């Protein structure tokens, strides 16, 4: 995977973090630059490390599945992407909005961890394709930090509208990356 593809992957994975950060920004009394940076760093850190865990698990079993690795990657990306699309169209909010001004460390850790679970599944898929996992994790972490940072700053005004649409677009992008992997492996 090249840097552009990893960046799109990072954008796709950061959609949950964006939606949560928009909620945090909307709930905070007056989100400041410092608050937005702190939220971005929490989300970016967890989004960066979880693909590495999935990648390590995937490597442990990848030699057994090398002949269908592209289909495994596609299936995982399609499942995560499909779930994101489903949640984007859902009429029920996945997460209750935090109380006014509440941006404590434990709440940020739990929210960041919850929004990065899908990155673990994507990491399993990355283990079966040719990818530099360190580069992938760095790009995913940096992109998520920037996206979550932005989410907090714009959350006060645009929270409910952007969150759902961003999740749908992120899901579509993950499925597109999975299709691209299948096409690259079956046309070679």
N, C-alpha and C. Protein backbone atom coordinates (compact mmCIF):
# COMPACT_ATOMS: atom_id res chain seq x y z
N UNK A 1 0.84 -1.18 0.00
CA UNK A 1 0.00 0.00 0.00
C UNK A 1 0.88 1.24 0.00
N UNK A 2 0.50 2.20 -0.79
CA UNK A 2 1.28 3.44 -0.85
C UNK A 2 0.75 4.44 0.18
N UNK A 3 1.44 5.57 0.30
CA UNK A 3 1.09 6.59 1.29
C UNK A 3 -0.31 7.14 1.05
N UNK A 4 -0.68 7.35 -0.20
CA UNK A 4 -2.02 7.87 -0.49
C UNK A 4 -3.11 6.91 -0.02
N UNK A 5 -2.92 5.62 -0.29
CA UNK A 5 -3.90 4.63 0.14
C UNK A 5 -3.97 4.56 1.66
N UNK A 6 -2.79 4.61 2.31
CA UNK A 6 -2.77 4.59 3.78
C UNK A 6 -3.43 5.84 4.37
N UNK A 7 -3.30 6.96 3.68
CA UNK A 7 -3.94 8.19 4.15
C UNK A 7 -5.46 8.07 4.05
N UNK A 8 -5.95 7.52 2.94
CA UNK A 8 -7.39 7.28 2.80
C UNK A 8 -7.86 6.30 3.86
N UNK A 9 -7.07 5.27 4.11
CA UNK A 9 -7.40 4.32 5.17
C UNK A 9 -7.47 5.04 6.51
N UNK A 10 -6.49 5.90 6.78
CA UNK A 10 -6.49 6.67 8.02
C UNK A 10 -7.72 7.57 8.14
N UNK A 11 -8.09 8.21 7.04
CA UNK A 11 -9.29 9.04 7.04
C UNK A 11 -10.54 8.20 7.32
N UNK A 12 -10.60 7.04 6.71
CA UNK A 12 -11.75 6.16 6.90
C UNK A 12 -11.85 5.69 8.35
N UNK A 13 -10.72 5.31 8.91
CA UNK A 13 -10.72 4.83 10.28
C UNK A 13 -10.97 5.94 11.29
N UNK A 14 -10.65 7.17 10.92
CA UNK A 14 -10.80 8.28 11.86
C UNK A 14 -12.23 8.82 11.92
N UNK A 15 -13.12 8.28 11.14
CA UNK A 15 -14.49 8.80 11.10
C UNK A 15 -15.18 8.62 12.44
N UNK A 16 -15.04 7.47 13.07
CA UNK A 16 -15.63 7.27 14.39
C UNK A 16 -15.06 8.27 15.39
N UNK A 17 -13.74 8.47 15.33
CA UNK A 17 -13.09 9.43 16.22
C UNK A 17 -13.61 10.84 15.93
N UNK A 18 -13.81 11.15 14.65
CA UNK A 18 -14.34 12.46 14.28
C UNK A 18 -15.72 12.66 14.87
N UNK A 19 -16.58 11.67 14.71
CA UNK A 19 -17.95 11.78 15.22
C UNK A 19 -17.94 11.97 16.73
N UNK A 20 -17.10 11.20 17.42
CA UNK A 20 -17.01 11.34 18.88
C UNK A 20 -16.42 12.69 19.26
N UNK A 21 -15.41 13.16 18.51
CA UNK A 21 -14.78 14.45 18.81
C UNK A 21 -15.75 15.59 18.55
N UNK A 22 -16.57 15.47 17.52
CA UNK A 22 -17.59 16.49 17.28
C UNK A 22 -18.54 16.54 18.47
N UNK A 23 -18.92 15.37 18.98
CA UNK A 23 -19.77 15.32 20.16
C UNK A 23 -19.11 15.95 21.37
N UNK A 24 -17.84 15.69 21.54
CA UNK A 24 -17.10 16.28 22.66
C UNK A 24 -17.01 17.79 22.50
N UNK A 25 -16.76 18.24 21.28
CA UNK A 25 -16.70 19.68 21.03
C UNK A 25 -18.04 20.34 21.26
N UNK A 26 -19.11 19.67 20.87
CA UNK A 26 -20.46 20.22 21.05
C UNK A 26 -20.83 20.25 22.53
N UNK A 27 -20.32 19.30 23.30
CA UNK A 27 -20.68 19.22 24.72
C UNK A 27 -19.83 20.13 25.60
N UNK A 28 -18.64 20.47 25.14
CA UNK A 28 -17.76 21.31 25.95
C UNK A 28 -18.31 22.73 26.01
N UNK A 29 -18.07 23.39 27.15
CA UNK A 29 -18.55 24.77 27.31
C UNK A 29 -18.03 25.65 26.18
N UNK A 30 -16.74 25.72 26.03
CA UNK A 30 -16.10 26.47 24.95
C UNK A 30 -14.82 25.72 24.59
N UNK A 31 -14.88 24.84 23.60
CA UNK A 31 -13.67 24.07 23.29
C UNK A 31 -12.54 25.00 22.85
N UNK A 32 -11.40 24.84 23.53
CA UNK A 32 -10.23 25.64 23.21
C UNK A 32 -9.27 24.81 22.39
N UNK A 33 -8.27 25.47 21.86
CA UNK A 33 -7.23 24.81 21.07
C UNK A 33 -6.61 23.67 21.89
N UNK A 34 -6.30 23.95 23.15
CA UNK A 34 -5.68 22.95 24.03
C UNK A 34 -6.57 21.73 24.20
N UNK A 35 -7.88 21.95 24.38
CA UNK A 35 -8.82 20.83 24.53
C UNK A 35 -8.88 20.01 23.24
N UNK A 36 -8.95 20.69 22.12
CA UNK A 36 -9.02 19.99 20.83
C UNK A 36 -7.75 19.18 20.58
N UNK A 37 -6.59 19.74 20.91
CA UNK A 37 -5.33 19.02 20.73
C UNK A 37 -5.28 17.79 21.64
N UNK A 38 -5.72 17.93 22.87
CA UNK A 38 -5.71 16.81 23.81
C UNK A 38 -6.61 15.68 23.31
N UNK A 39 -7.81 16.02 22.86
CA UNK A 39 -8.73 15.02 22.32
C UNK A 39 -8.11 14.36 21.08
N UNK A 40 -7.55 15.17 20.20
CA UNK A 40 -6.91 14.64 18.99
C UNK A 40 -5.79 13.67 19.31
N UNK A 41 -4.97 14.00 20.30
CA UNK A 41 -3.85 13.13 20.66
C UNK A 41 -4.32 11.81 21.27
N UNK A 42 -5.35 11.86 22.11
CA UNK A 42 -5.89 10.62 22.66
C UNK A 42 -6.40 9.71 21.55
N UNK A 43 -7.24 10.28 20.68
CA UNK A 43 -7.82 9.48 19.60
C UNK A 43 -6.74 8.99 18.64
N UNK A 44 -5.81 9.86 18.29
CA UNK A 44 -4.73 9.49 17.37
C UNK A 44 -3.86 8.37 17.92
N UNK A 45 -3.55 8.44 19.20
CA UNK A 45 -2.71 7.40 19.83
C UNK A 45 -3.37 6.03 19.74
N UNK A 46 -4.62 5.95 20.16
CA UNK A 46 -5.30 4.65 20.16
C UNK A 46 -5.55 4.15 18.74
N UNK A 47 -5.87 5.06 17.84
CA UNK A 47 -6.10 4.65 16.45
C UNK A 47 -4.79 4.19 15.81
N UNK A 48 -3.66 4.68 16.29
CA UNK A 48 -2.36 4.29 15.74
C UNK A 48 -1.90 2.93 16.26
N UNK A 49 -2.19 2.60 17.51
CA UNK A 49 -1.65 1.35 18.06
C UNK A 49 -2.54 0.14 17.80
N UNK A 50 -3.84 0.33 17.65
CA UNK A 50 -4.72 -0.83 17.48
C UNK A 50 -4.50 -1.60 16.17
N UNK A 51 -4.16 -0.93 15.05
CA UNK A 51 -3.87 -1.75 13.86
C UNK A 51 -2.64 -2.64 14.05
N UNK A 52 -1.69 -2.19 14.86
CA UNK A 52 -0.50 -3.01 15.11
C UNK A 52 -0.87 -4.30 15.85
N UNK A 53 -1.81 -4.21 16.78
CA UNK A 53 -2.26 -5.42 17.47
C UNK A 53 -2.94 -6.38 16.49
N UNK A 54 -3.82 -5.84 15.66
CA UNK A 54 -4.48 -6.67 14.66
C UNK A 54 -3.50 -7.26 13.66
N UNK A 55 -2.52 -6.45 13.25
CA UNK A 55 -1.49 -6.89 12.32
C UNK A 55 -0.71 -8.07 12.91
N UNK A 56 -0.33 -7.96 14.18
CA UNK A 56 0.41 -9.04 14.83
C UNK A 56 -0.41 -10.32 14.89
N UNK A 57 -1.69 -10.19 15.19
CA UNK A 57 -2.56 -11.38 15.20
C UNK A 57 -2.67 -11.95 13.79
N UNK A 58 -2.80 -11.08 12.81
CA UNK A 58 -2.91 -11.53 11.43
C UNK A 58 -1.67 -12.23 10.93
N UNK A 59 -0.49 -11.74 11.34
CA UNK A 59 0.76 -12.38 10.93
C UNK A 59 0.87 -13.81 11.46
N UNK A 60 0.35 -14.00 12.64
CA UNK A 60 0.43 -15.33 13.26
C UNK A 60 -0.28 -16.39 12.43
N UNK A 61 -1.29 -15.99 11.69
CA UNK A 61 -2.06 -16.96 10.91
C UNK A 61 -1.99 -16.73 9.40
N UNK A 62 -1.25 -15.71 8.95
CA UNK A 62 -1.30 -15.34 7.53
C UNK A 62 -0.74 -16.41 6.60
N UNK A 63 0.26 -17.17 7.03
CA UNK A 63 0.83 -18.19 6.13
C UNK A 63 -0.18 -19.29 5.82
N UNK A 64 -1.11 -19.51 6.71
CA UNK A 64 -2.14 -20.53 6.49
C UNK A 64 -3.16 -20.08 5.46
N UNK A 65 -3.27 -18.76 5.27
CA UNK A 65 -4.32 -18.23 4.42
C UNK A 65 -3.79 -17.41 3.25
N UNK A 66 -2.53 -17.59 2.87
CA UNK A 66 -1.91 -16.76 1.84
C UNK A 66 -2.67 -16.80 0.51
N UNK A 67 -3.27 -17.92 0.17
CA UNK A 67 -3.95 -18.04 -1.12
C UNK A 67 -5.28 -17.28 -1.16
N UNK A 68 -5.80 -16.89 -0.01
CA UNK A 68 -7.05 -16.12 0.04
C UNK A 68 -6.88 -14.83 0.83
N UNK A 69 -5.64 -14.38 1.02
CA UNK A 69 -5.38 -13.22 1.86
C UNK A 69 -6.12 -11.96 1.41
N UNK A 70 -6.18 -11.77 0.09
CA UNK A 70 -6.87 -10.59 -0.42
C UNK A 70 -8.36 -10.62 -0.11
N UNK A 71 -8.94 -11.81 -0.12
CA UNK A 71 -10.35 -11.93 0.21
C UNK A 71 -10.59 -11.71 1.70
N UNK A 72 -9.64 -12.12 2.53
CA UNK A 72 -9.74 -11.87 3.96
C UNK A 72 -9.69 -10.36 4.23
N UNK A 73 -8.73 -9.69 3.61
CA UNK A 73 -8.61 -8.24 3.78
C UNK A 73 -9.89 -7.54 3.31
N UNK A 74 -10.38 -7.94 2.13
CA UNK A 74 -11.61 -7.35 1.61
C UNK A 74 -12.78 -7.58 2.55
N UNK A 75 -12.93 -8.81 3.04
CA UNK A 75 -14.05 -9.13 3.92
C UNK A 75 -14.01 -8.30 5.20
N UNK A 76 -12.82 -8.20 5.81
CA UNK A 76 -12.70 -7.41 7.03
C UNK A 76 -13.01 -5.93 6.77
N UNK A 77 -12.45 -5.39 5.69
CA UNK A 77 -12.70 -3.99 5.37
C UNK A 77 -14.17 -3.76 5.02
N UNK A 78 -14.76 -4.70 4.30
CA UNK A 78 -16.18 -4.57 3.94
C UNK A 78 -17.08 -4.66 5.16
N UNK A 79 -16.75 -5.54 6.08
CA UNK A 79 -17.56 -5.65 7.30
C UNK A 79 -17.47 -4.38 8.14
N UNK A 80 -16.25 -3.89 8.34
CA UNK A 80 -16.08 -2.66 9.11
C UNK A 80 -16.76 -1.50 8.38
N UNK A 81 -16.52 -1.39 7.07
CA UNK A 81 -17.12 -0.32 6.29
C UNK A 81 -18.63 -0.41 6.26
N UNK A 82 -19.16 -1.61 6.08
CA UNK A 82 -20.61 -1.81 6.08
C UNK A 82 -21.23 -1.43 7.42
N UNK A 83 -20.54 -1.78 8.50
CA UNK A 83 -21.04 -1.41 9.83
C UNK A 83 -21.05 0.11 10.01
N UNK A 84 -20.00 0.77 9.50
CA UNK A 84 -19.95 2.22 9.59
C UNK A 84 -21.09 2.86 8.80
N UNK A 85 -21.37 2.32 7.62
CA UNK A 85 -22.48 2.83 6.81
C UNK A 85 -23.80 2.61 7.53
N UNK A 86 -23.98 1.42 8.08
CA UNK A 86 -25.19 1.10 8.84
C UNK A 86 -25.38 2.07 9.99
N UNK A 87 -24.30 2.31 10.75
CA UNK A 87 -24.39 3.24 11.87
C UNK A 87 -24.67 4.66 11.40
N UNK A 88 -24.12 5.02 10.25
CA UNK A 88 -24.36 6.34 9.71
C UNK A 88 -25.82 6.58 9.34
N UNK A 89 -26.49 5.50 8.91
CA UNK A 89 -27.90 5.62 8.55
C UNK A 89 -28.83 5.33 9.73
N UNK A 90 -28.28 4.87 10.83
CA UNK A 90 -29.07 4.53 12.00
C UNK A 90 -29.75 5.78 12.57
N UNK A 91 -30.96 5.60 13.06
CA UNK A 91 -31.68 6.73 13.65
C UNK A 91 -31.39 6.87 15.14
N UNK A 92 -30.68 5.88 15.71
CA UNK A 92 -30.35 5.92 17.13
C UNK A 92 -28.89 6.31 17.28
N UNK A 93 -28.59 7.23 18.17
CA UNK A 93 -27.21 7.64 18.41
C UNK A 93 -26.46 6.49 19.06
N UNK A 94 -25.27 6.20 18.57
CA UNK A 94 -24.46 5.11 19.10
C UNK A 94 -23.89 5.46 20.47
N UNK A 95 -23.67 6.71 20.72
CA UNK A 95 -23.05 7.12 21.98
C UNK A 95 -23.80 8.31 22.53
N UNK A 96 -24.13 8.25 23.80
CA UNK A 96 -24.79 9.39 24.41
C UNK A 96 -23.80 10.54 24.47
N UNK A 97 -24.31 11.74 24.29
CA UNK A 97 -23.45 12.92 24.35
C UNK A 97 -22.93 13.08 25.77
N UNK A 98 -21.65 13.40 25.93
CA UNK A 98 -21.12 13.60 27.27
C UNK A 98 -21.74 14.84 27.91
N UNK A 99 -21.68 14.88 29.22
CA UNK A 99 -22.22 16.03 29.93
C UNK A 99 -21.42 17.27 29.63
N UNK A 100 -22.05 18.42 29.78
CA UNK A 100 -21.46 19.71 29.46
C UNK A 100 -20.08 19.87 30.07
N UNK A 101 -19.09 20.17 29.23
CA UNK A 101 -17.75 20.47 29.69
C UNK A 101 -16.93 19.26 30.11
N UNK A 102 -17.41 18.05 29.94
CA UNK A 102 -16.73 16.87 30.43
C UNK A 102 -15.75 16.32 29.39
N UNK A 103 -14.47 16.56 29.62
CA UNK A 103 -13.43 16.04 28.74
C UNK A 103 -12.32 15.43 29.59
N UNK A 104 -12.69 14.64 30.58
CA UNK A 104 -11.72 14.03 31.49
C UNK A 104 -10.92 12.93 30.83
N UNK A 105 -9.74 12.62 31.39
CA UNK A 105 -8.85 11.62 30.78
C UNK A 105 -9.48 10.23 30.66
N UNK A 106 -10.19 9.77 31.69
CA UNK A 106 -10.76 8.41 31.62
C UNK A 106 -11.83 8.33 30.54
N UNK A 107 -12.66 9.37 30.44
CA UNK A 107 -13.69 9.37 29.40
C UNK A 107 -13.04 9.41 28.02
N UNK A 108 -11.98 10.18 27.86
CA UNK A 108 -11.29 10.24 26.57
C UNK A 108 -10.65 8.91 26.22
N UNK A 109 -10.04 8.26 27.20
CA UNK A 109 -9.40 6.95 26.95
C UNK A 109 -10.46 5.94 26.51
N UNK A 110 -11.54 5.86 27.25
CA UNK A 110 -12.58 4.88 26.91
C UNK A 110 -13.20 5.16 25.55
N UNK A 111 -13.46 6.43 25.27
CA UNK A 111 -14.05 6.78 23.97
C UNK A 111 -13.06 6.50 22.85
N UNK A 112 -11.81 6.88 23.05
CA UNK A 112 -10.79 6.65 22.01
C UNK A 112 -10.59 5.16 21.76
N UNK A 113 -10.59 4.37 22.82
CA UNK A 113 -10.43 2.93 22.65
C UNK A 113 -11.64 2.34 21.92
N UNK A 114 -12.82 2.78 22.30
CA UNK A 114 -14.04 2.26 21.65
C UNK A 114 -14.08 2.60 20.18
N UNK A 115 -13.65 3.80 19.82
CA UNK A 115 -13.70 4.19 18.41
C UNK A 115 -12.58 3.59 17.59
N UNK A 116 -11.59 2.98 18.24
CA UNK A 116 -10.46 2.42 17.49
C UNK A 116 -10.52 0.90 17.36
N UNK A 117 -11.56 0.28 17.87
CA UNK A 117 -11.68 -1.18 17.78
C UNK A 117 -11.68 -1.64 16.33
N UNK A 118 -12.34 -0.89 15.45
CA UNK A 118 -12.38 -1.28 14.04
C UNK A 118 -10.99 -1.28 13.43
N UNK A 119 -10.08 -0.47 13.95
CA UNK A 119 -8.72 -0.44 13.43
C UNK A 119 -7.98 -1.74 13.72
N UNK A 120 -8.37 -2.44 14.77
CA UNK A 120 -7.76 -3.75 15.06
C UNK A 120 -8.11 -4.74 13.95
N UNK A 121 -9.38 -4.75 13.55
CA UNK A 121 -9.81 -5.64 12.47
C UNK A 121 -9.11 -5.27 11.17
N UNK A 122 -8.96 -3.99 10.91
CA UNK A 122 -8.24 -3.55 9.71
C UNK A 122 -6.78 -3.99 9.78
N UNK A 123 -6.20 -3.94 10.97
CA UNK A 123 -4.82 -4.39 11.15
C UNK A 123 -4.63 -5.85 10.78
N UNK A 124 -5.63 -6.69 11.10
CA UNK A 124 -5.57 -8.10 10.69
C UNK A 124 -5.50 -8.18 9.17
N UNK A 125 -6.32 -7.37 8.51
CA UNK A 125 -6.30 -7.34 7.04
C UNK A 125 -4.98 -6.84 6.50
N UNK A 126 -4.36 -5.89 7.18
CA UNK A 126 -3.06 -5.35 6.73
C UNK A 126 -1.96 -6.41 6.81
N UNK A 127 -2.12 -7.38 7.70
CA UNK A 127 -1.11 -8.42 7.84
C UNK A 127 -1.03 -9.32 6.62
N UNK A 128 -2.09 -9.38 5.84
CA UNK A 128 -2.10 -10.28 4.70
C UNK A 128 -1.82 -9.57 3.38
N UNK A 129 -1.52 -8.28 3.44
CA UNK A 129 -1.12 -7.55 2.25
C UNK A 129 0.27 -6.94 2.51
N UNK A 130 0.90 -6.51 1.46
CA UNK A 130 2.24 -5.95 1.57
C UNK A 130 2.14 -4.51 2.09
N UNK A 131 2.40 -4.34 3.39
CA UNK A 131 2.31 -3.01 3.99
C UNK A 131 3.39 -2.86 5.06
N UNK A 132 3.94 -1.67 5.14
CA UNK A 132 4.86 -1.32 6.22
C UNK A 132 3.99 -0.90 7.40
N UNK A 133 3.87 -1.76 8.41
CA UNK A 133 2.94 -1.52 9.50
C UNK A 133 3.31 -0.29 10.32
N UNK A 134 4.58 -0.01 10.47
CA UNK A 134 4.99 1.19 11.21
C UNK A 134 4.51 2.44 10.48
N UNK A 135 4.76 2.49 9.18
CA UNK A 135 4.29 3.63 8.38
C UNK A 135 2.77 3.73 8.43
N UNK A 136 2.09 2.59 8.31
CA UNK A 136 0.63 2.59 8.36
C UNK A 136 0.13 3.14 9.69
N UNK A 137 0.71 2.69 10.79
CA UNK A 137 0.28 3.15 12.11
C UNK A 137 0.55 4.64 12.31
N UNK A 138 1.71 5.10 11.84
CA UNK A 138 2.04 6.53 11.96
C UNK A 138 1.05 7.37 11.17
N UNK A 139 0.80 6.98 9.92
CA UNK A 139 -0.13 7.75 9.09
C UNK A 139 -1.53 7.73 9.69
N UNK A 140 -2.00 6.57 10.11
CA UNK A 140 -3.33 6.46 10.70
C UNK A 140 -3.42 7.33 11.97
N UNK A 141 -2.38 7.30 12.80
CA UNK A 141 -2.37 8.10 14.02
C UNK A 141 -2.36 9.59 13.76
N UNK A 142 -1.52 10.03 12.82
CA UNK A 142 -1.44 11.46 12.50
C UNK A 142 -2.75 11.95 11.88
N UNK A 143 -3.28 11.17 10.96
CA UNK A 143 -4.55 11.56 10.32
C UNK A 143 -5.66 11.64 11.36
N UNK A 144 -5.74 10.64 12.23
CA UNK A 144 -6.79 10.63 13.25
C UNK A 144 -6.63 11.79 14.22
N UNK A 145 -5.40 12.10 14.59
CA UNK A 145 -5.17 13.24 15.48
C UNK A 145 -5.69 14.52 14.85
N UNK A 146 -5.37 14.74 13.58
CA UNK A 146 -5.81 15.95 12.88
C UNK A 146 -7.34 15.97 12.73
N UNK A 147 -7.92 14.83 12.39
CA UNK A 147 -9.36 14.77 12.18
C UNK A 147 -10.12 14.99 13.50
N UNK A 148 -9.67 14.34 14.57
CA UNK A 148 -10.34 14.50 15.86
C UNK A 148 -10.16 15.92 16.39
N UNK A 149 -8.97 16.49 16.21
CA UNK A 149 -8.71 17.88 16.59
C UNK A 149 -9.71 18.80 15.89
N UNK A 150 -9.86 18.61 14.59
CA UNK A 150 -10.80 19.42 13.82
C UNK A 150 -12.23 19.19 14.27
N UNK A 151 -12.56 17.95 14.60
CA UNK A 151 -13.91 17.61 15.04
C UNK A 151 -14.31 18.37 16.29
N UNK A 152 -13.39 18.49 17.24
CA UNK A 152 -13.69 19.23 18.46
C UNK A 152 -13.95 20.69 18.14
N UNK A 153 -13.11 21.27 17.29
CA UNK A 153 -13.24 22.70 17.00
C UNK A 153 -14.53 23.05 16.25
N UNK A 154 -15.00 22.13 15.41
CA UNK A 154 -16.22 22.44 14.66
C UNK A 154 -17.47 21.81 15.28
N UNK A 155 -17.28 21.04 16.33
CA UNK A 155 -18.39 20.32 16.96
C UNK A 155 -19.50 21.20 17.49
N UNK A 156 -19.16 22.35 17.98
CA UNK A 156 -20.16 23.24 18.58
C UNK A 156 -21.24 23.61 17.57
N UNK A 157 -20.86 23.81 16.32
CA UNK A 157 -21.82 24.29 15.31
C UNK A 157 -22.35 23.19 14.39
N UNK A 158 -21.53 22.19 14.10
CA UNK A 158 -21.91 21.27 13.03
C UNK A 158 -22.02 19.82 13.47
N UNK A 159 -22.01 19.53 14.75
CA UNK A 159 -21.98 18.17 15.27
C UNK A 159 -22.92 17.17 14.64
N UNK A 160 -24.21 17.30 14.81
CA UNK A 160 -25.12 16.26 14.34
C UNK A 160 -25.12 16.07 12.83
N UNK A 161 -24.99 17.11 12.06
CA UNK A 161 -25.05 17.03 10.60
C UNK A 161 -23.85 16.29 10.03
N UNK A 162 -22.63 16.65 10.42
CA UNK A 162 -21.43 16.07 9.84
C UNK A 162 -21.14 14.65 10.32
N UNK A 163 -21.43 14.36 11.57
CA UNK A 163 -21.07 13.05 12.12
C UNK A 163 -21.60 11.88 11.31
N UNK A 164 -22.87 11.90 10.97
CA UNK A 164 -23.49 10.79 10.24
C UNK A 164 -22.97 10.69 8.80
N UNK A 165 -22.89 11.80 8.12
CA UNK A 165 -22.42 11.76 6.73
C UNK A 165 -20.96 11.33 6.66
N UNK A 166 -20.15 11.78 7.59
CA UNK A 166 -18.74 11.39 7.60
C UNK A 166 -18.60 9.90 7.82
N UNK A 167 -19.42 9.32 8.68
CA UNK A 167 -19.35 7.89 8.94
C UNK A 167 -19.73 7.08 7.69
N UNK A 168 -20.73 7.51 6.98
CA UNK A 168 -21.14 6.84 5.74
C UNK A 168 -20.03 6.90 4.71
N UNK A 169 -19.43 8.08 4.52
CA UNK A 169 -18.33 8.22 3.56
C UNK A 169 -17.12 7.39 3.97
N UNK A 170 -16.83 7.34 5.26
CA UNK A 170 -15.72 6.53 5.74
C UNK A 170 -15.94 5.05 5.46
N UNK A 171 -17.16 4.58 5.66
CA UNK A 171 -17.49 3.18 5.38
C UNK A 171 -17.35 2.86 3.90
N UNK A 172 -17.80 3.76 3.06
CA UNK A 172 -17.67 3.57 1.61
C UNK A 172 -16.19 3.51 1.22
N UNK A 173 -15.38 4.38 1.81
CA UNK A 173 -13.95 4.40 1.50
C UNK A 173 -13.27 3.09 1.93
N UNK A 174 -13.64 2.54 3.09
CA UNK A 174 -13.05 1.26 3.52
C UNK A 174 -13.41 0.14 2.55
N UNK A 175 -14.65 0.09 2.12
CA UNK A 175 -15.07 -0.93 1.15
C UNK A 175 -14.31 -0.75 -0.16
N UNK A 176 -14.13 0.49 -0.59
CA UNK A 176 -13.38 0.76 -1.83
C UNK A 176 -11.93 0.30 -1.71
N UNK A 177 -11.32 0.49 -0.55
CA UNK A 177 -9.94 0.01 -0.36
C UNK A 177 -9.91 -1.51 -0.44
N UNK A 178 -10.91 -2.17 0.14
CA UNK A 178 -10.99 -3.64 0.05
C UNK A 178 -11.13 -4.11 -1.38
N UNK A 179 -11.96 -3.43 -2.16
CA UNK A 179 -12.13 -3.78 -3.58
C UNK A 179 -10.82 -3.59 -4.33
N UNK A 180 -10.12 -2.50 -4.03
CA UNK A 180 -8.84 -2.23 -4.68
C UNK A 180 -7.82 -3.35 -4.39
N UNK A 181 -7.80 -3.84 -3.16
CA UNK A 181 -6.90 -4.94 -2.78
C UNK A 181 -7.23 -6.19 -3.59
N UNK A 182 -8.52 -6.53 -3.70
CA UNK A 182 -8.93 -7.71 -4.46
C UNK A 182 -8.54 -7.56 -5.92
N UNK A 183 -8.78 -6.41 -6.50
CA UNK A 183 -8.44 -6.18 -7.91
C UNK A 183 -6.94 -6.30 -8.12
N UNK A 184 -6.13 -5.72 -7.23
CA UNK A 184 -4.67 -5.81 -7.36
C UNK A 184 -4.18 -7.25 -7.27
N UNK A 185 -4.78 -8.06 -6.40
CA UNK A 185 -4.30 -9.42 -6.21
C UNK A 185 -4.84 -10.40 -7.25
N UNK A 186 -6.00 -10.12 -7.79
CA UNK A 186 -6.54 -11.06 -8.77
C UNK A 186 -6.15 -10.73 -10.19
N UNK A 187 -5.67 -9.51 -10.43
CA UNK A 187 -5.26 -9.16 -11.78
C UNK A 187 -3.76 -9.36 -12.00
N UNK A 188 -3.06 -9.74 -10.97
CA UNK A 188 -1.61 -9.93 -11.09
C UNK A 188 -1.26 -11.31 -11.61
